[in-house]
């Protein structure tokens, strides 16, 4: 796929635009979120609007990316692939991040502060302890066996096709369940890899 086709797809679960990498702390979150999800690509030298600005020094960008993968991610991220593309006299780096067989990875966001991330649509979102436990079991070669879902469980999946997230309260209202039953339903879906649990904000929420 050429660069213009990639950019035309827009940012999403498997694609991120970065004007430049600036610091290993910052880029490590993006690399971790892709490796912890289904892999993807980072276009360095492309701004959020999809304009090709190019990088000033491709070698410097590569150094920061390799440094991030080796020293700012635990366990270190292997298997990154770098491809330089020249477009209108500008250089764009296409960084391919494979889905990792060693999940969950964490990114160092500050000294002695390591955090896990996954991709949710076009954002890198911090994981909860529960999501990390699921990631440990969810390696690329052993995806979860999909279980038959009942009407209420399918209602969550359908809701999340058109909404970015759902909370416990929203789900209780959606299917008219009490708190305990609603929570058990959501956790069952998390444990079988259908949805993800996030608890870093005031109110926990779920995403696909």
N, C-alpha and C. Protein backbone atom coordinates (compact mmCIF):
# COMPACT_ATOMS: atom_id res chain seq x y z
N UNK A 1 0.85 -1.20 0.00
CA UNK A 1 0.00 0.00 0.00
C UNK A 1 0.89 1.25 0.00
N UNK A 2 0.57 2.21 -0.88
CA UNK A 2 1.45 3.38 -0.92
C UNK A 2 1.04 4.39 0.17
N UNK A 3 1.88 5.39 0.35
CA UNK A 3 1.73 6.34 1.45
C UNK A 3 0.39 7.07 1.38
N UNK A 4 0.00 7.52 0.18
CA UNK A 4 -1.26 8.28 0.04
C UNK A 4 -2.47 7.42 0.40
N UNK A 5 -2.42 6.15 0.02
CA UNK A 5 -3.53 5.24 0.36
C UNK A 5 -3.62 5.06 1.88
N UNK A 6 -2.44 4.92 2.51
CA UNK A 6 -2.41 4.77 3.98
C UNK A 6 -3.01 6.00 4.65
N UNK A 7 -2.57 7.19 4.21
CA UNK A 7 -3.05 8.44 4.81
C UNK A 7 -4.55 8.59 4.60
N UNK A 8 -5.03 8.18 3.41
CA UNK A 8 -6.46 8.30 3.10
C UNK A 8 -7.33 7.47 4.04
N UNK A 9 -6.76 6.40 4.60
CA UNK A 9 -7.52 5.58 5.56
C UNK A 9 -7.81 6.34 6.85
N UNK A 10 -6.96 7.31 7.17
CA UNK A 10 -7.15 8.09 8.40
C UNK A 10 -6.68 7.31 9.62
N UNK A 11 -6.47 8.05 10.71
CA UNK A 11 -6.02 7.39 11.94
C UNK A 11 -7.11 6.46 12.46
N UNK A 12 -6.68 5.35 13.05
CA UNK A 12 -7.64 4.38 13.57
C UNK A 12 -6.93 3.42 14.50
N UNK A 13 -7.57 2.27 14.73
CA UNK A 13 -6.99 1.31 15.68
C UNK A 13 -5.59 0.87 15.26
N UNK A 14 -5.34 0.78 13.94
CA UNK A 14 -4.06 0.25 13.47
C UNK A 14 -3.20 1.29 12.77
N UNK A 15 -3.54 2.59 12.90
CA UNK A 15 -2.77 3.61 12.19
C UNK A 15 -2.72 4.91 12.99
N UNK A 16 -1.50 5.44 13.14
CA UNK A 16 -1.29 6.68 13.90
C UNK A 16 -0.40 7.61 13.09
N UNK A 17 -0.74 8.90 13.05
CA UNK A 17 0.11 9.91 12.40
C UNK A 17 0.92 10.64 13.48
N UNK A 18 2.21 10.85 13.21
CA UNK A 18 3.05 11.62 14.13
C UNK A 18 3.87 12.60 13.30
N UNK A 19 3.83 13.87 13.70
CA UNK A 19 4.65 14.86 13.00
C UNK A 19 6.13 14.55 13.20
N UNK A 20 6.49 14.22 14.47
CA UNK A 20 7.84 13.77 14.80
C UNK A 20 7.77 13.00 16.11
N UNK A 21 8.85 12.31 16.47
CA UNK A 21 8.77 11.46 17.65
C UNK A 21 9.14 12.18 18.96
N UNK A 22 9.74 13.32 18.90
CA UNK A 22 10.13 14.18 20.04
C UNK A 22 10.87 13.46 21.17
N UNK A 23 10.23 12.50 21.86
CA UNK A 23 10.88 11.88 23.00
C UNK A 23 10.44 10.42 23.12
N UNK A 24 11.37 9.52 23.55
CA UNK A 24 10.99 8.11 23.68
C UNK A 24 9.78 7.88 24.60
N UNK A 25 9.63 8.72 25.68
CA UNK A 25 8.47 8.57 26.57
C UNK A 25 7.16 8.64 25.78
N UNK A 26 7.10 9.63 24.87
CA UNK A 26 5.83 9.91 24.16
C UNK A 26 5.52 8.81 23.16
N UNK A 27 6.52 8.44 22.35
CA UNK A 27 6.26 7.46 21.29
C UNK A 27 6.09 6.05 21.86
N UNK A 28 6.67 5.79 23.05
CA UNK A 28 6.56 4.44 23.62
C UNK A 28 5.10 4.07 23.89
N UNK A 29 4.27 5.05 24.26
CA UNK A 29 2.84 4.76 24.50
C UNK A 29 2.16 4.25 23.23
N UNK A 30 2.45 4.93 22.12
CA UNK A 30 1.84 4.53 20.85
C UNK A 30 2.29 3.14 20.44
N UNK A 31 3.61 2.89 20.53
CA UNK A 31 4.15 1.58 20.15
C UNK A 31 3.55 0.47 21.01
N UNK A 32 3.46 0.72 22.32
CA UNK A 32 2.90 -0.27 23.25
C UNK A 32 1.43 -0.54 22.92
N UNK A 33 0.66 0.53 22.67
CA UNK A 33 -0.77 0.34 22.43
C UNK A 33 -1.02 -0.50 21.18
N UNK A 34 -0.20 -0.31 20.14
CA UNK A 34 -0.35 -1.12 18.92
C UNK A 34 0.06 -2.57 19.16
N UNK A 35 1.21 -2.76 19.84
CA UNK A 35 1.71 -4.11 20.10
C UNK A 35 0.75 -4.89 21.01
N UNK A 36 0.09 -4.20 21.94
CA UNK A 36 -0.84 -4.84 22.87
C UNK A 36 -2.20 -5.11 22.22
N UNK A 37 -2.46 -4.50 21.07
CA UNK A 37 -3.77 -4.69 20.42
C UNK A 37 -3.57 -5.63 19.24
N UNK A 38 -3.70 -5.16 18.02
CA UNK A 38 -3.54 -6.07 16.88
C UNK A 38 -2.43 -5.63 15.94
N UNK A 39 -1.51 -4.80 16.48
CA UNK A 39 -0.43 -4.31 15.63
C UNK A 39 -0.92 -3.17 14.76
N UNK A 40 0.01 -2.57 14.00
CA UNK A 40 -0.38 -1.46 13.13
C UNK A 40 0.83 -0.68 12.67
N UNK A 41 0.59 0.55 12.22
CA UNK A 41 1.66 1.37 11.66
C UNK A 41 1.61 2.80 12.21
N UNK A 42 2.80 3.38 12.31
CA UNK A 42 2.92 4.79 12.68
C UNK A 42 3.58 5.50 11.51
N UNK A 43 2.97 6.57 11.04
CA UNK A 43 3.57 7.38 9.97
C UNK A 43 4.22 8.59 10.62
N UNK A 44 5.55 8.64 10.63
CA UNK A 44 6.27 9.76 11.23
C UNK A 44 6.62 10.75 10.12
N UNK A 45 6.18 12.01 10.32
CA UNK A 45 6.37 13.01 9.26
C UNK A 45 5.05 13.39 8.63
N UNK A 46 3.94 12.92 9.26
CA UNK A 46 2.58 13.24 8.80
C UNK A 46 1.83 13.85 9.97
N UNK A 47 1.18 15.02 9.76
CA UNK A 47 0.49 15.64 10.90
C UNK A 47 -0.92 15.06 11.07
N UNK A 48 -1.62 15.50 12.12
CA UNK A 48 -2.94 14.94 12.45
C UNK A 48 -3.95 15.11 11.32
N UNK A 49 -3.75 16.13 10.50
CA UNK A 49 -4.68 16.38 9.39
C UNK A 49 -4.33 15.54 8.16
N UNK A 50 -3.24 14.74 8.26
CA UNK A 50 -2.85 13.89 7.13
C UNK A 50 -1.96 14.58 6.11
N UNK A 51 -1.41 15.74 6.49
CA UNK A 51 -0.49 16.45 5.56
C UNK A 51 0.91 15.90 5.70
N UNK A 52 1.58 15.72 4.58
CA UNK A 52 2.95 15.20 4.58
C UNK A 52 3.92 16.36 4.83
N UNK A 53 4.50 16.39 6.02
CA UNK A 53 5.45 17.45 6.37
C UNK A 53 6.89 16.94 6.25
N UNK A 54 7.05 15.61 6.37
CA UNK A 54 8.38 15.03 6.33
C UNK A 54 9.12 15.21 7.65
N UNK A 55 10.19 14.46 7.81
CA UNK A 55 11.01 14.59 9.03
C UNK A 55 12.31 15.31 8.67
N UNK A 56 12.85 16.02 9.65
CA UNK A 56 14.08 16.78 9.39
C UNK A 56 15.27 15.86 9.26
N UNK A 57 15.32 14.85 10.14
CA UNK A 57 16.47 13.95 10.19
C UNK A 57 15.98 12.52 10.45
N UNK A 58 15.91 11.72 9.39
CA UNK A 58 15.38 10.36 9.51
C UNK A 58 16.20 9.52 10.49
N UNK A 59 17.52 9.69 10.49
CA UNK A 59 18.38 8.91 11.39
C UNK A 59 18.07 9.22 12.86
N UNK A 60 17.82 10.48 13.13
CA UNK A 60 17.50 10.89 14.51
C UNK A 60 16.16 10.27 14.94
N UNK A 61 15.18 10.29 14.04
CA UNK A 61 13.88 9.68 14.34
C UNK A 61 14.04 8.18 14.61
N UNK A 62 14.82 7.52 13.77
CA UNK A 62 15.05 6.07 13.94
C UNK A 62 15.72 5.78 15.28
N UNK A 63 16.66 6.64 15.67
CA UNK A 63 17.35 6.46 16.95
C UNK A 63 16.34 6.52 18.10
N UNK A 64 15.45 7.54 18.08
CA UNK A 64 14.45 7.70 19.15
C UNK A 64 13.51 6.49 19.19
N UNK A 65 13.08 6.03 18.01
CA UNK A 65 12.15 4.88 17.95
C UNK A 65 12.81 3.61 18.49
N UNK A 66 14.05 3.37 18.09
CA UNK A 66 14.76 2.17 18.58
C UNK A 66 15.03 2.26 20.08
N UNK A 67 15.38 3.47 20.52
CA UNK A 67 15.62 3.71 21.95
C UNK A 67 14.34 3.43 22.75
N UNK A 68 13.21 3.92 22.25
CA UNK A 68 11.92 3.70 22.92
C UNK A 68 11.61 2.21 23.00
N UNK A 69 11.78 1.50 21.89
CA UNK A 69 11.44 0.07 21.85
C UNK A 69 12.32 -0.75 22.79
N UNK A 70 13.59 -0.36 22.91
CA UNK A 70 14.54 -1.15 23.71
C UNK A 70 14.56 -0.75 25.18
N UNK A 71 14.41 0.54 25.48
CA UNK A 71 14.66 1.02 26.84
C UNK A 71 13.48 1.65 27.56
N UNK A 72 12.42 1.97 26.82
CA UNK A 72 11.27 2.63 27.45
C UNK A 72 10.03 1.76 27.41
N UNK A 73 10.20 0.51 27.02
CA UNK A 73 9.09 -0.44 26.95
C UNK A 73 9.51 -1.73 27.64
N UNK A 74 8.62 -2.29 28.48
CA UNK A 74 8.92 -3.54 29.18
C UNK A 74 7.75 -4.52 28.99
N UNK A 75 8.06 -5.79 28.58
CA UNK A 75 9.36 -6.20 28.07
C UNK A 75 9.67 -5.45 26.77
N UNK A 76 10.98 -5.32 26.41
CA UNK A 76 11.34 -4.57 25.21
C UNK A 76 10.59 -5.09 23.98
N UNK A 77 10.33 -4.18 23.05
CA UNK A 77 9.54 -4.51 21.86
C UNK A 77 10.46 -4.91 20.72
N UNK A 78 10.29 -6.13 20.24
CA UNK A 78 11.12 -6.61 19.13
C UNK A 78 10.27 -6.63 17.85
N UNK A 79 10.95 -6.72 16.71
CA UNK A 79 10.23 -6.94 15.45
C UNK A 79 9.69 -5.70 14.76
N UNK A 80 10.08 -4.50 15.24
CA UNK A 80 9.63 -3.28 14.54
C UNK A 80 10.29 -3.25 13.16
N UNK A 81 9.54 -2.74 12.18
CA UNK A 81 10.09 -2.64 10.82
C UNK A 81 9.99 -1.18 10.37
N UNK A 82 11.09 -0.65 9.85
CA UNK A 82 11.14 0.76 9.44
C UNK A 82 11.30 0.86 7.93
N UNK A 83 10.52 1.75 7.32
CA UNK A 83 10.59 1.94 5.88
C UNK A 83 10.54 3.44 5.57
N UNK A 84 11.55 3.94 4.87
CA UNK A 84 11.59 5.36 4.51
C UNK A 84 10.95 5.58 3.14
N UNK A 85 10.07 6.56 3.06
CA UNK A 85 9.41 6.88 1.80
C UNK A 85 9.70 8.33 1.45
N UNK A 86 10.14 8.57 0.22
CA UNK A 86 10.38 9.95 -0.24
C UNK A 86 9.14 10.42 -1.00
N UNK A 87 8.60 11.55 -0.59
CA UNK A 87 7.40 12.08 -1.22
C UNK A 87 7.54 13.58 -1.37
N UNK A 88 7.58 14.06 -2.63
CA UNK A 88 7.72 15.50 -2.91
C UNK A 88 8.92 16.09 -2.17
N UNK A 89 10.04 15.36 -2.18
CA UNK A 89 11.26 15.84 -1.54
C UNK A 89 11.24 15.76 -0.03
N UNK A 90 10.22 15.11 0.53
CA UNK A 90 10.12 14.97 1.99
C UNK A 90 10.18 13.50 2.37
N UNK A 91 10.78 13.24 3.53
CA UNK A 91 10.94 11.86 3.99
C UNK A 91 9.91 11.54 5.07
N UNK A 92 9.17 10.44 4.85
CA UNK A 92 8.23 9.94 5.85
C UNK A 92 8.70 8.55 6.28
N UNK A 93 8.68 8.30 7.58
CA UNK A 93 9.03 6.97 8.10
C UNK A 93 7.76 6.18 8.35
N UNK A 94 7.67 4.99 7.75
CA UNK A 94 6.56 4.09 8.05
C UNK A 94 7.08 3.06 9.05
N UNK A 95 6.56 3.10 10.26
CA UNK A 95 6.99 2.18 11.31
C UNK A 95 5.91 1.11 11.46
N UNK A 96 6.26 -0.14 11.18
CA UNK A 96 5.29 -1.23 11.32
C UNK A 96 5.53 -1.94 12.65
N UNK A 97 4.46 -2.00 13.46
CA UNK A 97 4.53 -2.62 14.79
C UNK A 97 3.70 -3.89 14.75
N UNK A 98 4.35 -5.07 14.86
CA UNK A 98 3.55 -6.30 14.84
C UNK A 98 2.81 -6.49 16.16
N UNK A 99 1.69 -7.22 16.12
CA UNK A 99 1.03 -7.60 17.36
C UNK A 99 2.02 -8.47 18.14
N UNK A 100 2.17 -8.21 19.41
CA UNK A 100 3.22 -8.89 20.18
C UNK A 100 2.77 -10.23 20.75
N UNK A 101 3.68 -11.23 20.73
CA UNK A 101 3.38 -12.50 21.40
C UNK A 101 3.73 -12.45 22.89
N UNK A 102 4.19 -11.28 23.38
CA UNK A 102 4.64 -11.18 24.78
C UNK A 102 3.84 -10.13 25.56
N UNK A 103 2.54 -10.07 25.32
CA UNK A 103 1.68 -9.10 26.03
C UNK A 103 1.58 -9.47 27.51
N UNK A 104 1.27 -8.47 28.36
CA UNK A 104 1.14 -7.04 28.05
C UNK A 104 2.47 -6.32 28.15
N UNK A 105 2.69 -5.35 27.26
CA UNK A 105 3.86 -4.47 27.35
C UNK A 105 3.44 -3.21 28.10
N UNK A 106 4.40 -2.59 28.77
CA UNK A 106 4.14 -1.31 29.44
C UNK A 106 5.13 -0.27 28.93
N UNK A 107 4.69 0.98 28.91
CA UNK A 107 5.53 2.10 28.48
C UNK A 107 5.97 2.90 29.69
N UNK A 108 7.22 3.36 29.68
CA UNK A 108 7.70 4.24 30.75
C UNK A 108 7.29 5.66 30.40
N UNK A 109 6.36 6.21 31.19
CA UNK A 109 5.84 7.55 30.88
C UNK A 109 6.53 8.62 31.72
N UNK A 110 7.21 8.20 32.78
CA UNK A 110 8.00 9.09 33.64
C UNK A 110 8.95 8.19 34.42
N UNK A 111 9.98 8.74 35.06
CA UNK A 111 10.88 7.88 35.83
C UNK A 111 10.10 7.00 36.81
N UNK A 112 10.38 5.70 36.78
CA UNK A 112 9.72 4.72 37.67
C UNK A 112 8.19 4.66 37.52
N UNK A 113 7.69 5.08 36.40
CA UNK A 113 6.23 5.03 36.17
C UNK A 113 5.97 4.30 34.84
N UNK A 114 5.56 3.04 34.94
CA UNK A 114 5.33 2.21 33.75
C UNK A 114 3.84 1.91 33.64
N UNK A 115 3.28 2.11 32.46
CA UNK A 115 1.84 1.91 32.28
C UNK A 115 1.53 1.16 30.99
N UNK A 116 0.46 0.36 31.05
CA UNK A 116 0.02 -0.38 29.86
C UNK A 116 -0.96 0.44 29.05
N UNK A 117 -0.96 0.23 27.73
CA UNK A 117 -1.90 0.93 26.83
C UNK A 117 -2.42 -0.04 25.77
N UNK A 118 -3.65 0.21 25.32
CA UNK A 118 -4.21 -0.49 24.16
C UNK A 118 -4.78 0.56 23.22
N UNK A 119 -5.05 0.17 21.98
CA UNK A 119 -5.67 1.09 21.02
C UNK A 119 -7.18 1.00 21.16
N UNK A 120 -7.82 2.15 21.28
CA UNK A 120 -9.27 2.24 21.22
C UNK A 120 -9.58 3.26 20.13
N UNK A 121 -10.08 2.78 19.01
CA UNK A 121 -10.22 3.60 17.81
C UNK A 121 -8.88 4.25 17.47
N UNK A 122 -8.79 5.60 17.52
CA UNK A 122 -7.52 6.23 17.11
C UNK A 122 -6.73 6.75 18.30
N UNK A 123 -6.98 6.21 19.50
CA UNK A 123 -6.28 6.71 20.69
C UNK A 123 -5.58 5.58 21.43
N UNK A 124 -4.51 5.94 22.15
CA UNK A 124 -3.81 5.01 23.04
C UNK A 124 -4.40 5.20 24.44
N UNK A 125 -5.07 4.18 24.95
CA UNK A 125 -5.80 4.31 26.21
C UNK A 125 -5.16 3.42 27.26
N UNK A 126 -4.99 3.97 28.47
CA UNK A 126 -4.35 3.21 29.53
C UNK A 126 -5.20 2.01 29.93
N UNK A 127 -4.53 0.89 30.17
CA UNK A 127 -5.25 -0.34 30.49
C UNK A 127 -5.55 -0.43 31.99
N UNK A 128 -6.53 -1.23 32.31
CA UNK A 128 -6.81 -1.56 33.71
C UNK A 128 -6.09 -2.86 34.04
N UNK A 129 -6.02 -3.18 35.32
CA UNK A 129 -5.42 -4.46 35.74
C UNK A 129 -6.14 -5.64 35.11
N UNK A 130 -7.47 -5.52 35.01
CA UNK A 130 -8.27 -6.60 34.43
C UNK A 130 -7.93 -6.79 32.95
N UNK A 131 -7.81 -5.69 32.21
CA UNK A 131 -7.47 -5.79 30.79
C UNK A 131 -6.09 -6.42 30.61
N UNK A 132 -5.14 -6.08 31.49
CA UNK A 132 -3.80 -6.67 31.38
C UNK A 132 -3.82 -8.18 31.60
N UNK A 133 -4.66 -8.63 32.54
CA UNK A 133 -4.79 -10.08 32.75
C UNK A 133 -5.33 -10.76 31.49
N UNK A 134 -6.30 -10.09 30.84
CA UNK A 134 -6.85 -10.64 29.60
C UNK A 134 -5.78 -10.67 28.51
N UNK A 135 -4.97 -9.59 28.41
CA UNK A 135 -3.92 -9.53 27.39
C UNK A 135 -2.92 -10.67 27.56
N UNK A 136 -2.61 -11.02 28.81
CA UNK A 136 -1.67 -12.12 29.05
C UNK A 136 -2.15 -13.41 28.41
N UNK A 137 -3.47 -13.59 28.41
CA UNK A 137 -4.04 -14.81 27.84
C UNK A 137 -4.31 -14.68 26.35
N UNK A 138 -4.22 -13.47 25.83
CA UNK A 138 -4.70 -13.19 24.48
C UNK A 138 -3.53 -12.97 23.51
N UNK A 139 -2.71 -13.98 23.33
CA UNK A 139 -1.58 -13.85 22.41
C UNK A 139 -2.08 -14.05 20.98
N UNK A 140 -1.31 -13.54 19.99
CA UNK A 140 -1.80 -13.56 18.60
C UNK A 140 -2.16 -14.96 18.12
N UNK A 141 -1.37 -15.97 18.57
CA UNK A 141 -1.61 -17.31 18.02
C UNK A 141 -2.72 -18.05 18.76
N UNK A 142 -3.21 -17.47 19.86
CA UNK A 142 -4.25 -18.18 20.62
C UNK A 142 -5.37 -17.22 20.98
N UNK A 143 -6.04 -16.70 19.97
CA UNK A 143 -7.17 -15.81 20.23
C UNK A 143 -8.22 -16.56 21.05
N UNK A 144 -8.97 -15.80 21.81
CA UNK A 144 -9.99 -16.44 22.64
C UNK A 144 -10.99 -17.21 21.81
N UNK A 145 -11.43 -18.35 22.36
CA UNK A 145 -12.54 -19.03 21.69
C UNK A 145 -13.75 -18.13 21.87
N UNK A 146 -14.47 -17.93 20.77
CA UNK A 146 -15.64 -17.07 20.85
C UNK A 146 -16.81 -17.88 21.40
N UNK A 147 -17.51 -17.33 22.37
CA UNK A 147 -18.62 -18.05 22.99
C UNK A 147 -19.93 -17.53 22.42
N UNK A 148 -20.99 -18.36 22.39
CA UNK A 148 -22.28 -17.86 21.92
C UNK A 148 -22.78 -16.77 22.87
N UNK A 149 -23.31 -15.69 22.32
CA UNK A 149 -23.75 -14.57 23.15
C UNK A 149 -25.27 -14.51 23.21
N UNK A 150 -25.80 -14.15 24.38
CA UNK A 150 -27.25 -13.98 24.48
C UNK A 150 -27.66 -12.57 24.04
N UNK A 151 -28.95 -12.29 24.09
CA UNK A 151 -29.48 -11.03 23.56
C UNK A 151 -28.86 -9.81 24.24
N UNK A 152 -28.74 -9.88 25.59
CA UNK A 152 -28.21 -8.73 26.33
C UNK A 152 -26.72 -8.51 26.04
N UNK A 153 -25.98 -9.61 25.89
CA UNK A 153 -24.54 -9.50 25.57
C UNK A 153 -24.36 -8.93 24.17
N UNK A 154 -25.19 -9.36 23.23
CA UNK A 154 -25.12 -8.82 21.87
C UNK A 154 -25.49 -7.33 21.85
N UNK A 155 -26.37 -6.93 22.78
CA UNK A 155 -26.78 -5.52 22.85
C UNK A 155 -25.59 -4.62 23.17
N UNK A 156 -24.66 -5.10 24.02
CA UNK A 156 -23.45 -4.32 24.34
C UNK A 156 -22.61 -4.13 23.07
N UNK A 157 -22.39 -5.24 22.36
CA UNK A 157 -21.55 -5.19 21.14
C UNK A 157 -22.17 -4.23 20.12
N UNK A 158 -23.48 -4.33 19.94
CA UNK A 158 -24.16 -3.45 18.97
C UNK A 158 -24.07 -1.99 19.39
N UNK A 159 -24.25 -1.73 20.68
CA UNK A 159 -24.16 -0.36 21.19
C UNK A 159 -22.77 0.22 20.91
N UNK A 160 -21.73 -0.59 21.11
CA UNK A 160 -20.35 -0.11 20.94
C UNK A 160 -19.94 0.03 19.48
N UNK A 161 -20.78 -0.46 18.57
CA UNK A 161 -20.49 -0.23 17.14
C UNK A 161 -20.77 1.22 16.77
N UNK A 162 -21.68 1.86 17.52
CA UNK A 162 -22.05 3.23 17.18
C UNK A 162 -21.69 4.24 18.27
N UNK A 163 -21.20 3.76 19.42
CA UNK A 163 -20.78 4.64 20.51
C UNK A 163 -19.35 4.29 20.92
N UNK A 164 -18.53 5.30 21.29
CA UNK A 164 -17.13 4.99 21.62
C UNK A 164 -16.95 4.18 22.90
N UNK A 165 -17.93 4.27 23.85
CA UNK A 165 -17.77 3.59 25.14
C UNK A 165 -19.14 3.37 25.78
N UNK A 166 -19.16 2.48 26.79
CA UNK A 166 -20.37 2.27 27.58
C UNK A 166 -19.98 2.11 29.04
N UNK A 167 -20.77 2.68 29.94
CA UNK A 167 -20.51 2.53 31.38
C UNK A 167 -21.47 1.47 31.93
N UNK A 168 -21.23 1.05 33.17
CA UNK A 168 -22.10 0.09 33.82
C UNK A 168 -23.53 0.64 33.89
N UNK A 169 -23.66 1.91 34.29
CA UNK A 169 -24.99 2.53 34.41
C UNK A 169 -25.73 2.56 33.07
N UNK A 170 -24.99 2.87 31.99
CA UNK A 170 -25.61 2.90 30.66
C UNK A 170 -26.07 1.51 30.24
N UNK A 171 -25.26 0.50 30.57
CA UNK A 171 -25.63 -0.88 30.21
C UNK A 171 -26.85 -1.34 31.01
N UNK A 172 -26.90 -0.99 32.31
CA UNK A 172 -28.05 -1.36 33.14
C UNK A 172 -29.35 -0.81 32.53
N UNK A 173 -29.26 0.43 32.05
CA UNK A 173 -30.42 1.09 31.44
C UNK A 173 -30.77 0.43 30.10
N UNK A 174 -29.73 0.11 29.34
CA UNK A 174 -29.91 -0.48 28.00
C UNK A 174 -30.68 -1.80 28.04
N UNK A 175 -30.33 -2.66 29.00
CA UNK A 175 -30.94 -4.00 29.03
C UNK A 175 -31.85 -4.22 30.24
N UNK A 176 -32.03 -3.16 31.06
CA UNK A 176 -32.90 -3.26 32.23
C UNK A 176 -32.44 -4.36 33.21
N UNK A 177 -31.14 -4.37 33.49
CA UNK A 177 -30.57 -5.32 34.46
C UNK A 177 -30.25 -4.58 35.76
N UNK A 178 -30.23 -5.32 36.88
CA UNK A 178 -29.72 -4.78 38.13
C UNK A 178 -28.21 -4.68 38.06
N UNK A 179 -27.63 -3.97 39.02
CA UNK A 179 -26.18 -3.67 38.99
C UNK A 179 -25.33 -4.94 38.96
N UNK A 180 -25.61 -5.89 39.86
CA UNK A 180 -24.79 -7.09 39.97
C UNK A 180 -24.82 -7.91 38.68
N UNK A 181 -26.01 -8.13 38.16
CA UNK A 181 -26.16 -8.94 36.94
C UNK A 181 -25.50 -8.24 35.73
N UNK A 182 -25.66 -6.91 35.67
CA UNK A 182 -25.06 -6.14 34.57
C UNK A 182 -23.54 -6.22 34.63
N UNK A 183 -22.99 -6.06 35.84
CA UNK A 183 -21.53 -6.11 36.00
C UNK A 183 -21.00 -7.49 35.61
N UNK A 184 -21.67 -8.56 36.05
CA UNK A 184 -21.22 -9.92 35.72
C UNK A 184 -21.22 -10.14 34.20
N UNK A 185 -22.24 -9.59 33.54
CA UNK A 185 -22.33 -9.73 32.07
C UNK A 185 -21.15 -9.03 31.39
N UNK A 186 -20.86 -7.80 31.82
CA UNK A 186 -19.76 -7.04 31.21
C UNK A 186 -18.42 -7.72 31.46
N UNK A 187 -18.19 -8.23 32.68
CA UNK A 187 -16.92 -8.87 32.99
C UNK A 187 -16.75 -10.17 32.19
N UNK A 188 -17.84 -10.89 31.99
CA UNK A 188 -17.78 -12.11 31.16
C UNK A 188 -17.31 -11.74 29.74
N UNK A 189 -17.85 -10.64 29.20
CA UNK A 189 -17.45 -10.20 27.85
C UNK A 189 -15.99 -9.76 27.82
N UNK A 190 -15.53 -9.12 28.90
CA UNK A 190 -14.12 -8.72 28.99
C UNK A 190 -13.23 -9.96 28.99
N UNK A 191 -13.57 -10.93 29.81
CA UNK A 191 -12.72 -12.12 29.95
C UNK A 191 -12.68 -12.96 28.69
N UNK A 192 -13.69 -12.84 27.84
CA UNK A 192 -13.68 -13.59 26.59
C UNK A 192 -13.20 -12.74 25.42
N UNK A 193 -12.67 -11.56 25.72
CA UNK A 193 -12.01 -10.76 24.68
C UNK A 193 -12.94 -9.99 23.77
N UNK A 194 -14.24 -9.90 24.11
CA UNK A 194 -15.17 -9.16 23.25
C UNK A 194 -15.05 -7.65 23.47
N UNK A 195 -14.88 -7.24 24.74
CA UNK A 195 -14.78 -5.82 25.06
C UNK A 195 -13.61 -5.61 26.01
N UNK A 196 -13.23 -4.34 26.20
CA UNK A 196 -12.12 -4.01 27.10
C UNK A 196 -12.63 -3.15 28.25
N UNK A 197 -12.00 -3.29 29.40
CA UNK A 197 -12.38 -2.58 30.62
C UNK A 197 -11.33 -1.49 30.88
N UNK A 198 -11.77 -0.27 31.17
CA UNK A 198 -10.86 0.85 31.47
C UNK A 198 -11.27 1.46 32.80
N UNK A 199 -10.31 1.60 33.72
CA UNK A 199 -10.68 2.13 35.05
C UNK A 199 -9.81 3.30 35.50
N UNK A 200 -9.22 4.03 34.53
CA UNK A 200 -8.33 5.12 34.91
C UNK A 200 -9.04 6.47 35.00
N UNK A 201 -10.33 6.50 34.70
CA UNK A 201 -11.08 7.75 34.86
C UNK A 201 -12.00 7.62 36.07
N UNK A 202 -12.72 8.68 36.38
CA UNK A 202 -13.58 8.71 37.58
C UNK A 202 -14.57 7.53 37.56
N UNK A 203 -15.15 7.30 36.38
CA UNK A 203 -16.12 6.20 36.24
C UNK A 203 -15.57 5.17 35.25
N UNK A 204 -15.42 3.90 35.67
CA UNK A 204 -14.92 2.87 34.73
C UNK A 204 -15.84 2.78 33.50
N UNK A 205 -15.27 2.38 32.36
CA UNK A 205 -16.06 2.23 31.14
C UNK A 205 -15.52 1.09 30.31
N UNK A 206 -16.26 0.74 29.26
CA UNK A 206 -15.91 -0.42 28.42
C UNK A 206 -15.91 0.02 26.97
N UNK A 207 -14.98 -0.58 26.20
CA UNK A 207 -14.89 -0.30 24.77
C UNK A 207 -14.71 -1.62 24.02
N UNK A 208 -14.88 -1.58 22.69
CA UNK A 208 -14.55 -2.80 21.92
C UNK A 208 -13.08 -2.79 21.60
